Protein backbone atom coordinates (compact mmCIF):
# COMPACT_ATOMS: atom_id res chain seq x y z
CA MET A 1 -33.88 103.77 -46.27
CA ILE A 2 -31.37 101.25 -47.20
CA ARG A 3 -31.63 99.13 -50.23
CA ILE A 4 -31.58 95.05 -49.96
CA GLN A 5 -30.88 93.00 -53.05
CA ILE A 6 -33.31 90.03 -53.41
CA ALA A 7 -32.91 87.01 -55.72
CA ARG A 8 -35.88 84.67 -56.23
CA LEU A 9 -35.49 80.95 -55.95
CA PRO A 10 -37.37 78.80 -58.60
CA HIS A 11 -39.69 77.54 -55.92
CA GLY A 12 -40.45 81.28 -55.01
CA GLU A 13 -42.02 82.18 -58.37
CA GLY A 14 -45.15 83.88 -58.25
CA LEU A 15 -44.80 84.89 -54.76
CA PRO A 16 -44.88 88.33 -53.72
CA LEU A 17 -41.67 89.95 -52.26
CA PRO A 18 -41.67 90.98 -48.66
CA ASP A 19 -43.25 94.22 -48.15
CA TYR A 20 -45.03 96.56 -45.72
CA SER A 21 -48.64 96.23 -45.38
CA THR A 22 -49.46 99.77 -44.28
CA PRO A 23 -47.33 103.20 -44.35
CA GLY A 24 -46.66 102.98 -40.60
CA SER A 25 -45.60 99.32 -40.70
CA ALA A 26 -42.14 98.39 -38.84
CA GLY A 27 -42.03 94.92 -40.43
CA MET A 28 -42.26 93.51 -43.83
CA ASP A 29 -44.58 90.77 -44.54
CA VAL A 30 -43.10 87.33 -45.70
CA VAL A 31 -44.83 84.42 -47.16
CA ALA A 32 -44.12 80.85 -47.08
CA ALA A 33 -43.15 79.13 -50.31
CA GLU A 34 -44.17 75.71 -49.17
CA ASP A 35 -47.06 73.71 -47.83
CA LEU A 36 -46.78 71.96 -44.52
CA ASP A 37 -48.62 71.07 -41.46
CA LEU A 38 -47.14 71.99 -38.10
CA ALA A 39 -48.20 70.01 -35.14
CA PRO A 40 -48.69 71.06 -31.68
CA GLY A 41 -45.05 71.51 -30.29
CA GLU A 42 -43.22 71.03 -33.51
CA ARG A 43 -40.77 73.73 -35.02
CA ARG A 44 -39.72 73.84 -38.61
CA ALA A 45 -37.70 76.13 -41.13
CA VAL A 46 -40.18 77.32 -43.49
CA ALA A 47 -38.71 78.31 -46.96
CA THR A 48 -39.33 81.74 -48.30
CA GLY A 49 -38.22 81.25 -52.01
CA PHE A 50 -35.80 83.92 -51.82
CA LYS A 51 -32.15 84.93 -50.83
CA VAL A 52 -30.76 88.29 -49.93
CA ALA A 53 -27.78 90.44 -49.93
CA ILE A 54 -28.02 92.69 -46.72
CA PRO A 55 -25.61 95.82 -46.73
CA ASP A 56 -22.72 95.55 -44.50
CA GLY A 57 -23.65 97.22 -41.14
CA TYR A 58 -27.35 95.89 -41.05
CA GLU A 59 -29.11 92.75 -40.31
CA ILE A 60 -32.45 91.67 -41.01
CA GLN A 61 -34.75 90.62 -37.84
CA VAL A 62 -36.99 87.79 -38.31
CA ARG A 63 -40.01 88.26 -35.87
CA PRO A 64 -43.52 86.67 -35.37
CA ARG A 65 -46.68 88.03 -36.71
CA SER A 66 -48.87 89.00 -33.64
CA GLY A 67 -52.25 87.68 -35.09
CA LEU A 68 -50.68 84.18 -35.58
CA ALA A 69 -49.16 84.25 -32.09
CA LEU A 70 -52.31 85.22 -30.27
CA LYS A 71 -55.09 83.20 -32.44
CA HIS A 72 -53.15 80.17 -33.25
CA GLY A 73 -49.80 80.14 -30.97
CA ILE A 74 -47.67 80.44 -34.01
CA SER A 75 -44.56 82.12 -33.35
CA VAL A 76 -40.73 82.30 -34.04
CA PRO A 77 -38.89 80.71 -31.37
CA ASN A 78 -35.40 82.48 -31.77
CA THR A 79 -37.05 85.91 -31.65
CA PRO A 80 -35.71 87.86 -33.21
CA GLY A 81 -33.98 85.77 -35.47
CA THR A 82 -31.36 87.56 -37.26
CA ILE A 83 -30.20 87.10 -41.02
CA ASP A 84 -26.49 88.25 -41.26
CA SER A 85 -25.10 90.42 -43.90
CA ASP A 86 -22.64 87.87 -45.13
CA TYR A 87 -25.39 84.96 -45.52
CA ARG A 88 -26.31 84.15 -49.08
CA GLY A 89 -28.57 81.09 -48.74
CA GLU A 90 -32.07 80.71 -48.95
CA LEU A 91 -33.98 82.77 -46.13
CA LYS A 92 -35.90 80.44 -44.03
CA VAL A 93 -38.07 81.36 -41.05
CA ILE A 94 -38.13 78.93 -38.00
CA VAL A 95 -41.66 78.78 -36.57
CA ILE A 96 -42.98 76.79 -33.62
CA ASN A 97 -46.46 75.81 -32.95
CA HIS A 98 -47.39 76.43 -29.16
CA GLY A 99 -50.95 75.88 -29.90
CA THR A 100 -53.17 73.00 -29.22
CA GLU A 101 -54.22 72.12 -32.62
CA PRO A 102 -52.12 71.45 -35.79
CA PHE A 103 -51.69 74.58 -38.04
CA PRO A 104 -51.63 74.39 -41.82
CA ILE A 105 -48.94 76.72 -43.35
CA ARG A 106 -49.87 77.34 -47.03
CA ARG A 107 -47.71 78.53 -49.80
CA GLY A 108 -48.19 82.35 -50.27
CA GLU A 109 -49.37 82.77 -46.47
CA ARG A 110 -47.75 85.64 -44.39
CA ILE A 111 -45.71 83.78 -41.62
CA ALA A 112 -43.37 86.30 -40.14
CA GLN A 113 -42.03 89.90 -40.26
CA LEU A 114 -38.78 91.03 -41.62
CA VAL A 115 -37.17 94.21 -39.78
CA PRO A 116 -34.18 95.50 -41.36
CA ALA A 117 -31.72 97.10 -38.54
CA ALA A 118 -28.27 98.65 -38.30
CA VAL A 119 -25.56 96.75 -36.46
CA THR A 120 -23.33 98.43 -33.76
CA PRO A 121 -19.88 96.62 -33.76
CA ALA A 122 -18.68 96.04 -30.51
CA ARG A 123 -15.67 94.32 -28.41
CA PHE A 124 -15.36 93.18 -24.89
CA ASP A 125 -12.31 94.93 -22.97
CA GLU A 126 -11.50 92.56 -20.12
CA VAL A 127 -11.25 94.43 -16.73
CA GLU A 128 -10.41 93.23 -13.36
CA GLU A 129 -13.68 94.95 -11.56
CA LEU A 130 -16.66 96.52 -13.08
CA ASP A 131 -17.99 99.99 -11.54
CA ASP A 132 -20.65 99.58 -9.27
CA THR A 133 -24.31 100.63 -9.75
CA HIS A 134 -27.37 101.13 -7.56
CA ARG A 135 -28.52 97.67 -8.92
CA GLY A 136 -25.51 96.11 -8.41
CA ALA A 137 -25.61 92.24 -9.13
CA GLY A 138 -29.62 92.03 -8.51
CA GLY A 139 -30.86 89.67 -10.85
CA PHE A 140 -34.32 88.47 -12.44
CA GLY A 141 -37.06 90.48 -10.57
CA SER A 142 -34.61 92.55 -8.44
CA THR A 143 -36.15 95.99 -9.76
CA GLY A 144 -39.79 94.82 -9.04
CA ARG A 145 -41.88 95.91 -6.07
């Protein structure tokens, strides 16, 4: 378990901190800190009312809530979104309405899930040629039957 520092902003007063709904939940529910109506096709950055200090070597992934996606077409367009460990501004959730009706987002309602995850540092080593594999350069759908 990692510890993540969280600071509440004035418009986050009275809202619950991100938390797991059940002992087996992978993501912590996060709620909106504002009211807005999301038109079909519209996307907005929704305030959460807090900022975080994520430990080095970790990120927070922002993911959609499956119930909102299935029932209303509400999703996170850059899934998963990433909150970097050196970001100190307000955590906002980009949401999009893929549905056919306007969708009301109200303060205190769950809008997304947050999943802390370890980050593996990497670097690219430029080479002249890559090793060959069975798949080779086969692209989208090349492994299907």
